[in-house]
Amino acid sequence: MINIDNLELYSVAIITLLAVISPGPDFAMVSRVSLLKGRKEGILCALGISVAIGVHLAYTLLGLGIVFANNVWVLNTLRYLGALYLVWLGLSALWPDIKRWFMTTTPPSATSPISEPLANNKSSFWMGFACNALNPKTMLFIVSLFSQVISPNTSVVMELGYGFYIAFVHFLWFGLVACLLTSAPIQNKVAACKVWIERVTGVLLATLGVRLLAS
């Protein structure tokens, strides 16, 4: 029989929920993909985020998470890669407007087509995966949870159960976000302003990347 520490169980459940629903790069990514590419792609992006959680959990359970967290160069490398990825995504969303500013004196109009990188991108899953896998804050969250909240005496089966719960909650929350943002009332309002959504999310992602670099 598996011995369950109720305090530990409730702590993991509540901390995970609070961490998942807090706004961040994952939320911005799912929102952008869902609004511009539809529900299916948004759910695929949410699945990518959930799978990336599994990667963080794997090296944490193997004992590598603490090693990574205690080596500044690992955190810095992950931070730089994650920040550059977010900046690249943001600039790719703004690239059509950037080209127009340099090629003509006429400001970009609200009817300009959305950026080609997102319109042609068929890998929403990998966009979500990379966004989460390269986020050092997710790494620190998982490592801190397993080193400070979960007891060393907790069984491996229970730790795997916690890991499945964390990954599932991520998928459930961001899948719900994707479904809400692609509901008929939202889509009817979004249809006329997709270009501005692309621009706003592009600025948001690039800003998050810059803030991550500066943190």
Protein backbone atom coordinates (compact mmCIF):
# COMPACT_ATOMS: atom_id res chain seq x y z
CA MET A 1 0.00 0.00 0.00
CA ILE A 2 1.25 3.48 -0.92
CA ASN A 3 1.70 5.78 2.07
CA ILE A 4 0.22 9.19 1.18
CA ASP A 5 1.14 12.36 3.06
CA ASN A 6 -2.04 14.46 2.82
CA LEU A 7 -0.25 17.75 3.58
CA GLU A 8 2.29 17.04 0.85
CA LEU A 9 -0.45 16.02 -1.56
CA TYR A 10 -2.50 19.18 -0.97
CA SER A 11 0.63 21.36 -1.15
CA VAL A 12 1.64 19.94 -4.53
CA ALA A 13 -1.90 20.29 -5.85
CA ILE A 14 -2.33 23.92 -4.77
CA ILE A 15 1.17 25.12 -5.67
CA THR A 16 0.90 23.53 -9.11
CA LEU A 17 -2.47 25.15 -9.80
CA LEU A 18 -1.19 28.59 -8.78
CA ALA A 19 1.94 28.19 -10.88
CA VAL A 20 0.05 27.03 -13.98
CA ILE A 21 -2.58 29.78 -14.05
CA SER A 22 -0.07 32.60 -13.50
CA PRO A 23 0.51 34.51 -16.77
CA GLY A 24 3.77 33.86 -18.59
CA PRO A 25 5.34 32.79 -21.91
CA ASP A 26 3.26 29.59 -22.09
CA PHE A 27 0.01 31.53 -21.76
CA ALA A 28 1.09 34.05 -24.40
CA MET A 29 2.13 31.25 -26.76
CA VAL A 30 -1.11 29.28 -26.44
CA SER A 31 -3.17 32.45 -26.80
CA ARG A 32 -1.35 33.47 -29.96
CA VAL A 33 -1.55 30.06 -31.61
CA SER A 34 -5.20 29.54 -30.65
CA LEU A 35 -6.43 32.93 -31.82
CA LEU A 36 -4.57 32.85 -35.12
CA LYS A 37 -4.56 29.17 -36.04
CA GLY A 38 -7.59 27.67 -34.34
CA ARG A 39 -8.58 25.27 -31.57
CA LYS A 40 -6.77 22.17 -32.83
CA GLU A 41 -3.45 23.98 -33.10
CA GLY A 42 -3.97 25.60 -29.69
CA ILE A 43 -4.54 22.20 -28.08
CA LEU A 44 -1.45 20.83 -29.85
CA CYS A 45 0.52 23.73 -28.39
CA ALA A 46 -0.87 22.89 -24.93
CA LEU A 47 0.18 19.26 -25.45
CA GLY A 48 3.69 20.40 -26.34
CA ILE A 49 3.88 22.35 -23.08
CA SER A 50 2.69 19.31 -21.13
CA VAL A 51 5.30 17.04 -22.75
CA ALA A 52 8.03 19.60 -21.97
CA ILE A 53 6.98 19.41 -18.32
CA GLY A 54 7.77 15.71 -18.57
CA VAL A 55 11.33 16.56 -19.64
CA HIS A 56 11.83 18.79 -16.58
CA LEU A 57 10.40 16.06 -14.38
CA ALA A 58 12.64 13.38 -15.89
CA TYR A 59 15.94 15.05 -15.11
CA THR A 60 14.65 16.20 -11.70
CA LEU A 61 13.71 12.65 -10.68
CA LEU A 62 17.11 11.46 -11.92
CA GLY A 63 18.74 13.91 -9.51
CA LEU A 64 20.09 16.19 -12.23
CA GLY A 65 17.69 19.03 -11.44
CA ILE A 66 19.54 20.07 -8.28
CA VAL A 67 22.86 19.83 -10.11
CA PHE A 68 21.53 22.10 -12.85
CA ALA A 69 20.00 24.55 -10.36
CA ASN A 70 23.27 24.83 -8.44
CA ASN A 71 25.32 25.57 -11.55
CA VAL A 72 24.84 29.15 -12.65
CA TRP A 73 26.09 28.49 -16.18
CA VAL A 74 23.33 25.93 -16.78
CA LEU A 75 20.64 28.37 -15.65
CA ASN A 76 22.17 31.19 -17.66
CA THR A 77 22.42 29.05 -20.78
CA LEU A 78 18.80 28.00 -20.45
CA ARG A 79 17.78 31.59 -19.76
CA TYR A 80 19.59 32.93 -22.81
CA LEU A 81 18.20 30.24 -25.09
CA GLY A 82 14.68 30.75 -23.79
CA ALA A 83 14.92 34.53 -24.03
CA LEU A 84 16.31 34.45 -27.57
CA TYR A 85 13.58 32.04 -28.62
CA LEU A 86 10.87 34.37 -27.26
CA VAL A 87 12.47 37.40 -28.91
CA TRP A 88 12.68 35.51 -32.20
CA LEU A 89 9.00 34.55 -31.98
CA GLY A 90 8.06 38.13 -31.21
CA LEU A 91 10.10 39.56 -34.06
CA SER A 92 8.79 36.93 -36.47
CA ALA A 93 5.27 38.08 -35.65
CA LEU A 94 6.26 41.70 -36.30
CA TRP A 95 8.46 40.97 -39.31
CA PRO A 96 5.93 41.97 -42.02
CA ASP A 97 5.49 45.35 -40.32
CA ILE A 98 9.24 45.76 -39.82
CA LYS A 99 9.84 45.13 -43.53
CA ARG A 100 7.21 47.68 -44.50
CA TRP A 101 8.72 50.34 -42.24
CA PHE A 102 12.07 49.92 -43.95
CA MET A 103 10.75 49.48 -47.49
CA THR A 104 8.21 52.27 -47.52
CA THR A 105 7.35 55.43 -45.64
CA THR A 106 3.71 54.32 -45.39
CA PRO A 107 2.90 52.92 -41.95
CA PRO A 108 1.61 49.33 -41.88
CA SER A 109 -2.16 49.16 -42.07
CA ALA A 110 -4.53 47.23 -39.88
CA THR A 111 -5.40 45.01 -42.85
CA SER A 112 -1.86 43.81 -43.43
CA PRO A 113 -1.59 40.01 -43.60
CA ILE A 114 -0.41 38.15 -40.53
CA SER A 115 3.17 37.02 -40.41
CA GLU A 116 4.19 34.16 -42.64
CA PRO A 117 6.18 32.32 -39.96
CA LEU A 118 3.00 31.62 -37.98
CA ALA A 119 0.73 31.21 -40.99
CA ASN A 120 2.98 28.54 -42.48
CA ASN A 121 4.12 26.93 -39.26
CA LYS A 122 2.72 23.40 -38.92
CA SER A 123 4.47 22.59 -35.66
CA SER A 124 2.35 24.18 -32.95
CA PHE A 125 3.25 21.24 -30.73
CA TRP A 126 6.96 22.03 -30.97
CA MET A 127 6.36 25.73 -30.44
CA GLY A 128 4.70 24.93 -27.11
CA PHE A 129 7.35 22.35 -26.27
CA ALA A 130 10.28 24.71 -26.90
CA CYS A 131 8.59 27.59 -25.07
CA ASN A 132 8.28 25.55 -21.89
CA ALA A 133 11.45 23.46 -22.17
CA LEU A 134 13.59 26.60 -22.52
CA ASN A 135 11.91 28.41 -19.63
CA PRO A 136 14.30 28.40 -16.61
CA LYS A 137 11.45 29.40 -14.31
CA THR A 138 9.69 26.11 -15.06
CA MET A 139 12.88 24.24 -14.29
CA LEU A 140 13.29 26.03 -10.97
CA PHE A 141 9.62 25.45 -10.13
CA ILE A 142 9.90 21.69 -10.68
CA VAL A 143 13.23 21.40 -8.87
CA SER A 144 12.02 23.48 -5.90
CA LEU A 145 8.80 21.50 -5.66
CA PHE A 146 10.56 18.14 -5.57
CA SER A 147 13.38 19.25 -3.28
CA GLN A 148 11.49 21.41 -0.77
CA VAL A 149 7.86 20.30 -0.77
CA ILE A 150 8.03 16.62 -1.63
CA SER A 151 9.72 14.52 1.04
CA PRO A 152 12.80 12.41 0.22
CA ASN A 153 10.89 9.51 1.76
CA THR A 154 8.10 9.75 -0.81
CA SER A 155 7.91 6.62 -2.96
CA VAL A 156 8.94 6.67 -6.60
CA VAL A 157 5.41 5.68 -7.60
CA MET A 158 4.02 8.68 -5.73
CA GLU A 159 6.61 11.00 -7.30
CA LEU A 160 5.64 9.74 -10.73
CA GLY A 161 2.02 10.36 -9.80
CA TYR A 162 2.86 13.94 -8.86
CA GLY A 163 4.70 14.32 -12.16
CA PHE A 164 1.73 13.05 -14.14
CA TYR A 165 -0.55 15.42 -12.23
CA ILE A 166 1.67 18.45 -12.94
CA ALA A 167 1.88 17.64 -16.65
CA PHE A 168 -1.85 16.92 -16.87
CA VAL A 169 -2.81 20.18 -15.13
CA HIS A 170 -0.66 22.10 -17.60
CA PHE A 171 -2.38 20.38 -20.52
CA LEU A 172 -5.84 20.81 -18.99
CA TRP A 173 -5.39 24.52 -18.24
CA PHE A 174 -3.84 25.53 -21.54
CA GLY A 175 -6.22 23.27 -23.44
CA LEU A 176 -9.07 25.09 -21.69
CA VAL A 177 -7.51 28.44 -22.64
CA ALA A 178 -7.33 27.27 -26.26
CA CYS A 179 -10.99 26.18 -26.23
CA LEU A 180 -12.20 29.43 -24.65
CA LEU A 181 -10.25 31.60 -27.07
CA THR A 182 -11.61 29.67 -30.05
CA SER A 183 -15.25 29.71 -28.95
CA ALA A 184 -17.70 31.21 -31.45
CA PRO A 185 -18.31 34.52 -29.57
CA ILE A 186 -14.57 35.15 -29.19
CA GLN A 187 -13.77 34.17 -32.77
CA ASN A 188 -16.46 36.48 -34.14
CA LYS A 189 -14.84 39.39 -32.34
CA VAL A 190 -11.32 38.28 -33.23
CA ALA A 191 -11.91 37.84 -36.96
CA ALA A 192 -11.64 41.55 -37.71
CA CYS A 193 -8.54 42.20 -35.60
CA LYS A 194 -6.26 39.18 -36.09
CA VAL A 195 -3.49 41.39 -37.42
CA TRP A 196 -3.48 43.46 -34.25
CA ILE A 197 -3.55 40.30 -32.13
CA GLU A 198 -0.45 39.14 -33.99
CA ARG A 199 1.24 42.47 -33.35
CA VAL A 200 0.31 42.65 -29.67
CA THR A 201 1.36 39.07 -28.93
CA GLY A 202 4.54 39.65 -30.92
CA VAL A 203 5.42 42.64 -28.75
CA LEU A 204 4.46 40.68 -25.62
CA LEU A 205 6.64 37.68 -26.49
CA ALA A 206 9.60 39.87 -27.42
CA THR A 207 9.19 41.86 -24.18
CA LEU A 208 9.08 38.66 -22.13
CA GLY A 209 12.29 37.56 -23.84
CA VAL A 210 14.03 40.84 -23.11
CA ARG A 211 12.89 40.73 -19.48
CA LEU A 212 14.19 37.17 -19.19
CA LEU A 213 17.56 38.28 -20.54
CA ALA A 214 17.69 41.16 -18.06
CA SER A 215 16.57 39.13 -15.04
